[in-house]
Amino acid sequence: MSQQRREKIHTHTVRPRWTWIGLVVMVAGLALIGVGIIVTSWAWAIAGLVLLGIGGVAGIYGGFFYDVQGGGSATTQLRDAVEGTEFEFPDPTTKRSEEEVKHDVRRRWLSDGE
Protein backbone atom coordinates (compact mmCIF):
# COMPACT_ATOMS: atom_id res chain seq x y z
CA MET A 1 0.00 0.00 0.00
CA SER A 2 1.49 3.27 -1.04
CA GLN A 3 0.14 6.46 0.31
CA GLN A 4 0.48 9.57 -1.75
CA ARG A 5 1.91 12.41 0.22
CA ARG A 6 0.00 15.59 -0.51
CA GLU A 7 2.17 18.65 -0.42
CA LYS A 8 0.72 22.03 0.33
CA ILE A 9 0.00 23.87 -2.90
CA HIS A 10 1.28 27.43 -2.82
CA THR A 11 -0.81 29.82 -4.90
CA HIS A 12 -0.57 33.38 -6.14
CA THR A 13 -3.51 35.74 -6.48
CA VAL A 14 -3.89 37.50 -9.81
CA ARG A 15 -5.96 40.67 -9.93
CA PRO A 16 -6.43 41.68 -13.59
CA ARG A 17 -7.70 45.14 -12.66
CA TRP A 18 -4.48 45.98 -10.83
CA THR A 19 -2.36 44.32 -13.50
CA TRP A 20 -3.85 46.57 -16.20
CA ILE A 21 -3.71 49.68 -14.01
CA GLY A 22 -0.05 48.98 -13.31
CA LEU A 23 0.70 48.51 -16.99
CA VAL A 24 -1.01 51.77 -17.98
CA VAL A 25 0.77 53.73 -15.24
CA MET A 26 4.15 52.22 -16.22
CA VAL A 27 3.62 53.16 -19.88
CA ALA A 28 2.66 56.71 -18.81
CA GLY A 29 5.84 56.82 -16.72
CA LEU A 30 7.95 55.72 -19.67
CA ALA A 31 6.30 58.39 -21.82
CA LEU A 32 7.13 61.06 -19.24
CA ILE A 33 10.72 59.86 -19.05
CA GLY A 34 10.90 60.13 -22.84
CA VAL A 35 9.48 63.65 -22.76
CA GLY A 36 11.96 64.56 -20.03
CA ILE A 37 14.83 63.33 -22.19
CA ILE A 38 13.56 65.18 -25.27
CA VAL A 39 13.13 68.52 -23.49
CA THR A 40 16.14 67.86 -21.20
CA SER A 41 14.07 68.39 -18.06
CA TRP A 42 14.89 66.51 -14.89
CA ALA A 43 11.45 67.36 -13.49
CA TRP A 44 9.66 65.42 -16.24
CA ALA A 45 12.11 62.53 -16.04
CA ILE A 46 11.81 62.22 -12.25
CA ALA A 47 8.00 62.38 -12.44
CA GLY A 48 8.19 59.60 -15.03
CA LEU A 49 10.42 57.50 -12.77
CA VAL A 50 7.96 57.96 -9.90
CA LEU A 51 5.07 56.85 -12.13
CA LEU A 52 7.12 53.91 -13.38
CA GLY A 53 7.74 52.83 -9.77
CA ILE A 54 4.10 53.26 -8.74
CA GLY A 55 2.96 51.28 -11.78
CA GLY A 56 5.46 48.55 -10.96
CA VAL A 57 4.16 48.26 -7.40
CA ALA A 58 0.55 48.16 -8.64
CA GLY A 59 1.50 45.50 -11.19
CA ILE A 60 3.24 43.35 -8.61
CA TYR A 61 0.25 43.66 -6.26
CA GLY A 62 -1.98 42.60 -9.15
CA GLY A 63 0.11 39.51 -9.81
CA PHE A 64 1.66 40.88 -13.00
CA PHE A 65 4.26 38.10 -13.16
CA TYR A 66 1.74 35.34 -12.45
CA ASP A 67 -1.00 36.39 -14.90
CA VAL A 68 -0.95 33.23 -16.99
CA GLN A 69 -4.48 33.16 -18.34
CA GLY A 70 -3.64 34.14 -21.89
CA GLY A 71 -5.81 33.31 -24.84
CA GLY A 72 -8.80 35.17 -23.44
CA SER A 73 -10.64 37.60 -25.64
CA ALA A 74 -10.29 41.34 -25.08
CA THR A 75 -13.92 41.40 -23.93
CA THR A 76 -13.25 38.76 -21.28
CA GLN A 77 -10.16 40.57 -20.04
CA LEU A 78 -12.02 43.88 -19.91
CA ARG A 79 -14.90 42.26 -18.00
CA ASP A 80 -12.44 40.75 -15.48
CA ALA A 81 -10.77 44.14 -14.98
CA VAL A 82 -14.08 46.01 -14.59
CA GLU A 83 -15.57 43.44 -12.19
CA GLY A 84 -12.38 43.17 -10.14
CA THR A 85 -12.22 39.40 -10.58
CA GLU A 86 -9.40 37.59 -8.77
CA PHE A 87 -7.81 34.27 -9.73
CA GLU A 88 -5.66 31.83 -7.78
CA PHE A 89 -2.87 30.12 -9.69
CA PRO A 90 -0.42 27.53 -8.36
CA ASP A 91 3.13 28.61 -7.69
CA PRO A 92 5.51 27.58 -10.51
CA THR A 93 7.44 25.36 -8.09
CA THR A 94 4.33 23.42 -7.02
CA LYS A 95 4.36 19.77 -8.04
CA ARG A 96 0.99 18.21 -8.77
CA SER A 97 -0.07 14.84 -10.10
CA GLU A 98 -1.37 14.51 -13.63
CA GLU A 99 -4.83 13.69 -12.29
CA GLU A 100 -4.93 16.88 -10.21
CA VAL A 101 -3.92 18.95 -13.23
CA LYS A 102 -6.55 17.34 -15.46
CA HIS A 103 -9.21 17.90 -12.80
CA ASP A 104 -8.18 21.55 -12.43
CA VAL A 105 -8.29 22.07 -16.21
CA ARG A 106 -11.75 20.55 -16.44
CA ARG A 107 -13.01 22.63 -13.54
CA ARG A 108 -11.50 25.91 -14.75
CA TRP A 109 -11.75 25.82 -18.55
CA LEU A 110 -14.26 23.19 -19.55
CA SER A 111 -17.07 24.03 -17.16
CA ASP A 112 -20.35 25.20 -18.61
CA GLY A 113 -20.11 28.62 -16.94
CA GLU A 114 -21.65 27.64 -13.61
C-alpha atoms as a PDB file:
ATOM      1  CA  MET A   1       0.000   0.000   0.000  1.00  0.00           C
ATOM      2  CA  SER A   2       1.485   3.268  -1.043  1.00  0.00           C
ATOM      3  CA  GLN A   3       0.137   6.460   0.310  1.00  0.00           C
ATOM      4  CA  GLN A   4       0.479   9.573  -1.751  1.00  0.00           C
ATOM      5  CA  ARG A   5       1.912  12.406   0.215  1.00  0.00           C
ATOM      6  CA  ARG A   6       0.003  15.593  -0.508  1.00  0.00           C
ATOM      7  CA  GLU A   7       2.173  18.649  -0.424  1.00  0.00           C
ATOM      8  CA  LYS A   8       0.720  22.026   0.332  1.00  0.00           C
ATOM      9  CA  ILE A   9       0.001  23.874  -2.900  1.00  0.00           C
ATOM     10  CA  HIS A  10       1.275  27.434  -2.825  1.00  0.00           C
ATOM     11  CA  THR A  11      -0.812  29.823  -4.900  1.00  0.00           C
ATOM     12  CA  HIS A  12      -0.569  33.384  -6.142  1.00  0.00           C
ATOM     13  CA  THR A  13      -3.505  35.743  -6.476  1.00  0.00           C
ATOM     14  CA  VAL A  14      -3.892  37.495  -9.812  1.00  0.00           C
ATOM     15  CA  ARG A  15      -5.955  40.666  -9.929  1.00  0.00           C
ATOM     16  CA  PRO A  16      -6.433  41.678 -13.592  1.00  0.00           C
ATOM     17  CA  ARG A  17      -7.703  45.141 -12.665  1.00  0.00           C
ATOM     18  CA  TRP A  18      -4.482  45.977 -10.832  1.00  0.00           C
ATOM     19  CA  THR A  19      -2.356  44.319 -13.500  1.00  0.00           C
ATOM     20  CA  TRP A  20      -3.852  46.568 -16.201  1.00  0.00           C
ATOM     21  CA  ILE A  21      -3.714  49.679 -14.013  1.00  0.00           C
ATOM     22  CA  GLY A  22      -0.045  48.976 -13.306  1.00  0.00           C
ATOM     23  CA  LEU A  23       0.704  48.510 -16.993  1.00  0.00           C
ATOM     24  CA  VAL A  24      -1.009  51.773 -17.985  1.00  0.00           C
ATOM     25  CA  VAL A  25       0.769  53.729 -15.243  1.00  0.00           C
ATOM     26  CA  MET A  26       4.148  52.223 -16.218  1.00  0.00           C
ATOM     27  CA  VAL A  27       3.617  53.161 -19.880  1.00  0.00           C
ATOM     28  CA  ALA A  28       2.664  56.710 -18.807  1.00  0.00           C
ATOM     29  CA  GLY A  29       5.842  56.823 -16.715  1.00  0.00           C
ATOM     30  CA  LEU A  30       7.952  55.719 -19.672  1.00  0.00           C
ATOM     31  CA  ALA A  31       6.303  58.390 -21.822  1.00  0.00           C
ATOM     32  CA  LEU A  32       7.130  61.062 -19.237  1.00  0.00           C
ATOM     33  CA  ILE A  33      10.717  59.855 -19.050  1.00  0.00           C
ATOM     34  CA  GLY A  34      10.900  60.129 -22.845  1.00  0.00           C
ATOM     35  CA  VAL A  35       9.484  63.652 -22.756  1.00  0.00           C
ATOM     36  CA  GLY A  36      11.964  64.563 -20.031  1.00  0.00           C
ATOM     37  CA  ILE A  37      14.830  63.333 -22.186  1.00  0.00           C
ATOM     38  CA  ILE A  38      13.565  65.178 -25.268  1.00  0.00           C
ATOM     39  CA  VAL A  39      13.132  68.520 -23.485  1.00  0.00           C
ATOM     40  CA  THR A  40      16.142  67.858 -21.200  1.00  0.00           C
ATOM     41  CA  SER A  41      14.068  68.395 -18.062  1.00  0.00           C
ATOM     42  CA  TRP A  42      14.889  66.507 -14.894  1.00  0.00           C
ATOM     43  CA  ALA A  43      11.448  67.356 -13.491  1.00  0.00           C
ATOM     44  CA  TRP A  44       9.658  65.416 -16.240  1.00  0.00           C
ATOM     45  CA  ALA A  45      12.107  62.527 -16.040  1.00  0.00           C
ATOM     46  CA  ILE A  46      11.808  62.221 -12.251  1.00  0.00           C
ATOM     47  CA  ALA A  47       8.004  62.378 -12.445  1.00  0.00           C
ATOM     48  CA  GLY A  48       8.187  59.595 -15.031  1.00  0.00           C
ATOM     49  CA  LEU A  49      10.419  57.501 -12.768  1.00  0.00           C
ATOM     50  CA  VAL A  50       7.959  57.961  -9.903  1.00  0.00           C
ATOM     51  CA  LEU A  51       5.065  56.849 -12.134  1.00  0.00           C
ATOM     52  CA  LEU A  52       7.120  53.908 -13.382  1.00  0.00           C
ATOM     53  CA  GLY A  53       7.737  52.830  -9.774  1.00  0.00           C
ATOM     54  CA  ILE A  54       4.096  53.265  -8.741  1.00  0.00           C
ATOM     55  CA  GLY A  55       2.963  51.282 -11.780  1.00  0.00           C
ATOM     56  CA  GLY A  56       5.462  48.546 -10.961  1.00  0.00           C
ATOM     57  CA  VAL A  57       4.164  48.256  -7.399  1.00  0.00           C
ATOM     58  CA  ALA A  58       0.552  48.160  -8.639  1.00  0.00           C
ATOM     59  CA  GLY A  59       1.503  45.501 -11.192  1.00  0.00           C
ATOM     60  CA  ILE A  60       3.244  43.352  -8.605  1.00  0.00           C
ATOM     61  CA  TYR A  61       0.247  43.664  -6.265  1.00  0.00           C
ATOM     62  CA  GLY A  62      -1.976  42.603  -9.151  1.00  0.00           C
ATOM     63  CA  GLY A  63       0.109  39.506  -9.815  1.00  0.00           C
ATOM     64  CA  PHE A  64       1.665  40.879 -13.001  1.00  0.00           C
ATOM     65  CA  PHE A  65       4.261  38.097 -13.161  1.00  0.00           C
ATOM     66  CA  TYR A  66       1.741  35.341 -12.453  1.00  0.00           C
ATOM     67  CA  ASP A  67      -0.997  36.391 -14.898  1.00  0.00           C
ATOM     68  CA  VAL A  68      -0.952  33.227 -16.991  1.00  0.00           C
ATOM     69  CA  GLN A  69      -4.481  33.156 -18.336  1.00  0.00           C
ATOM     70  CA  GLY A  70      -3.638  34.141 -21.892  1.00  0.00           C
ATOM     71  CA  GLY A  71      -5.810  33.307 -24.836  1.00  0.00           C
ATOM     72  CA  GLY A  72      -8.800  35.173 -23.444  1.00  0.00           C
ATOM     73  CA  SER A  73     -10.638  37.602 -25.644  1.00  0.00           C
ATOM     74  CA  ALA A  74     -10.288  41.336 -25.081  1.00  0.00           C
ATOM     75  CA  THR A  75     -13.918  41.403 -23.929  1.00  0.00           C
ATOM     76  CA  THR A  76     -13.250  38.758 -21.280  1.00  0.00           C
ATOM     77  CA  GLN A  77     -10.159  40.566 -20.044  1.00  0.00           C
ATOM     78  CA  LEU A  78     -12.016  43.881 -19.911  1.00  0.00           C
ATOM     79  CA  ARG A  79     -14.898  42.263 -17.999  1.00  0.00           C
ATOM     80  CA  ASP A  80     -12.443  40.750 -15.477  1.00  0.00           C
ATOM     81  CA  ALA A  81     -10.775  44.145 -14.980  1.00  0.00           C
ATOM     82  CA  VAL A  82     -14.075  46.013 -14.590  1.00  0.00           C
ATOM     83  CA  GLU A  83     -15.570  43.443 -12.185  1.00  0.00           C
ATOM     84  CA  GLY A  84     -12.379  43.173 -10.141  1.00  0.00           C
ATOM     85  CA  THR A  85     -12.220  39.401 -10.578  1.00  0.00           C
ATOM     86  CA  GLU A  86      -9.402  37.588  -8.766  1.00  0.00           C
ATOM     87  CA  PHE A  87      -7.810  34.270  -9.728  1.00  0.00           C
ATOM     88  CA  GLU A  88      -5.658  31.834  -7.777  1.00  0.00           C
ATOM     89  CA  PHE A  89      -2.872  30.118  -9.686  1.00  0.00           C
ATOM     90  CA  PRO A  90      -0.421  27.528  -8.362  1.00  0.00           C
ATOM     91  CA  ASP A  91       3.131  28.611  -7.686  1.00  0.00           C
ATOM     92  CA  PRO A  92       5.508  27.585 -10.512  1.00  0.00           C
ATOM     93  CA  THR A  93       7.436  25.356  -8.091  1.00  0.00           C
ATOM     94  CA  THR A  94       4.328  23.415  -7.018  1.00  0.00           C
ATOM     95  CA  LYS A  95       4.356  19.766  -8.036  1.00  0.00           C
ATOM     96  CA  ARG A  96       0.989  18.211  -8.774  1.00  0.00           C
ATOM     97  CA  SER A  97      -0.068  14.843 -10.095  1.00  0.00           C
ATOM     98  CA  GLU A  98      -1.367  14.509 -13.628  1.00  0.00           C
ATOM     99  CA  GLU A  99      -4.828  13.689 -12.293  1.00  0.00           C
ATOM    100  CA  GLU A 100      -4.931  16.880 -10.207  1.00  0.00           C
ATOM    101  CA  VAL A 101      -3.916  18.950 -13.227  1.00  0.00           C
ATOM    102  CA  LYS A 102      -6.554  17.338 -15.455  1.00  0.00           C
ATOM    103  CA  HIS A 103      -9.212  17.896 -12.804  1.00  0.00           C
ATOM    104  CA  ASP A 104      -8.175  21.549 -12.429  1.00  0.00           C
ATOM    105  CA  VAL A 105      -8.286  22.073 -16.208  1.00  0.00           C
ATOM    106  CA  ARG A 106     -11.754  20.549 -16.442  1.00  0.00           C
ATOM    107  CA  ARG A 107     -13.008  22.634 -13.543  1.00  0.00           C
ATOM    108  CA  ARG A 108     -11.499  25.909 -14.750  1.00  0.00           C
ATOM    109  CA  TRP A 109     -11.745  25.820 -18.551  1.00  0.00           C
ATOM    110  CA  LEU A 110     -14.260  23.193 -19.548  1.00  0.00           C
ATOM    111  CA  SER A 111     -17.066  24.025 -17.163  1.00  0.00           C
ATOM    112  CA  ASP A 112     -20.347  25.199 -18.606  1.00  0.00           C
ATOM    113  CA  GLY A 113     -20.113  28.619 -16.935  1.00  0.00           C
ATOM    114  CA  GLU A 114     -21.648  27.643 -13.610  1.00  0.00           C
END
